Amino acid sequence: MHVYYRDKTAPLLDPVLFRLSMSMSLQSVVKHFLTEGDKFILSWFSPLQDQGGYAIAVNYGWFINCTRHRNEAKYFPQDPL
């Protein structure tokens, strides 16, 4: 069995990969805030009645969108590669 020891002068993490992972993590946080930010703001500043109406409207819009895309996939199937 081989035992490998890390060089004490080498950095623990590769700087290029660390910078890439930090950049991607920041992008995912920004994306999450952009997609879910309206819910965060609504929950902080609105009463429960407004939150319920908003939730129903969002879910109804999602349902219409899914139904429309399901019909498109049914009538316009994509060719397999």
Protein backbone atom coordinates (compact mmCIF):
# COMPACT_ATOMS: atom_id res chain seq x y z
CA MET A 1 0.00 0.00 0.00
CA HIS A 2 1.30 3.44 -0.92
CA VAL A 3 1.00 6.37 1.43
CA TYR A 4 1.07 9.80 -0.18
CA TYR A 5 1.95 12.85 1.84
CA ARG A 6 1.00 16.36 0.86
CA ASP A 7 3.82 18.79 0.26
CA LYS A 8 3.78 21.30 3.13
CA THR A 9 4.49 24.22 0.79
CA ALA A 10 1.72 23.38 -1.68
CA PRO A 11 -1.66 25.08 -1.17
CA LEU A 12 -4.37 22.92 0.32
CA LEU A 13 -6.83 23.83 -2.46
CA ASP A 14 -6.09 24.52 -6.08
CA PRO A 15 -6.59 28.30 -6.47
CA VAL A 16 -8.12 28.03 -9.95
CA LEU A 17 -10.65 25.38 -8.90
CA PHE A 18 -11.42 27.25 -5.69
CA ARG A 19 -12.12 30.47 -7.62
CA LEU A 20 -14.32 28.53 -10.05
CA SER A 21 -16.29 26.89 -7.26
CA MET A 22 -16.79 30.23 -5.49
CA SER A 23 -17.97 31.83 -8.73
CA MET A 24 -20.47 29.03 -9.38
CA SER A 25 -21.70 29.14 -5.79
CA LEU A 26 -22.28 32.88 -6.03
CA GLN A 27 -24.13 32.42 -9.32
CA SER A 28 -26.41 29.81 -7.75
CA VAL A 29 -27.21 32.11 -4.81
CA VAL A 30 -28.03 34.98 -7.20
CA LYS A 31 -30.17 32.67 -9.35
CA HIS A 32 -32.04 31.42 -6.29
CA PHE A 33 -32.75 34.97 -5.16
CA LEU A 34 -33.89 36.00 -8.64
CA THR A 35 -36.25 33.04 -8.99
CA GLU A 36 -37.53 32.91 -5.40
CA GLY A 37 -36.92 36.52 -4.31
CA ASP A 38 -40.50 37.60 -4.84
CA LYS A 39 -41.63 34.96 -2.34
CA PHE A 40 -39.03 36.10 0.19
CA ILE A 41 -40.06 39.75 -0.07
CA LEU A 42 -43.76 38.89 -0.01
CA SER A 43 -43.34 36.77 3.12
CA TRP A 44 -41.52 39.57 4.92
CA PHE A 45 -43.82 42.48 4.08
CA SER A 46 -47.29 41.06 3.37
CA PRO A 47 -50.06 39.70 5.59
CA LEU A 48 -51.03 36.04 5.30
CA GLN A 49 -54.12 36.79 3.19
CA ASP A 50 -51.99 38.36 0.46
CA GLN A 51 -49.53 35.49 0.61
CA GLY A 52 -52.31 32.96 0.08
CA GLY A 53 -53.69 34.80 -2.94
CA TYR A 54 -50.22 35.11 -4.41
CA ALA A 55 -49.54 31.38 -3.87
CA ILE A 56 -52.77 30.44 -5.65
CA ALA A 57 -51.97 32.75 -8.57
CA VAL A 58 -48.42 31.41 -8.93
CA ASN A 59 -49.53 27.78 -8.76
CA TYR A 60 -52.36 28.38 -11.23
CA GLY A 61 -49.91 30.01 -13.65
CA TRP A 62 -47.56 27.06 -13.24
CA PHE A 63 -50.41 24.65 -14.00
CA ILE A 64 -51.34 26.50 -17.18
CA ASN A 65 -47.72 26.58 -18.29
CA CYS A 66 -47.24 22.84 -17.69
CA THR A 67 -50.46 22.03 -19.52
CA ARG A 68 -49.43 24.12 -22.50
CA HIS A 69 -45.98 22.54 -22.69
CA ARG A 70 -47.41 19.05 -22.30
CA ASN A 71 -49.64 19.67 -25.30
CA GLU A 72 -46.71 21.03 -27.31
CA ALA A 73 -44.67 17.93 -26.53
CA LYS A 74 -47.62 15.76 -27.54
CA TYR A 75 -48.20 17.44 -30.91
CA PHE A 76 -44.60 18.36 -31.71
CA PRO A 77 -42.41 15.47 -30.55
CA GLN A 78 -38.68 15.94 -30.92
CA ASP A 79 -36.70 13.48 -32.97
CA PRO A 80 -34.28 11.35 -30.96
CA LEU A 81 -30.66 11.80 -31.84
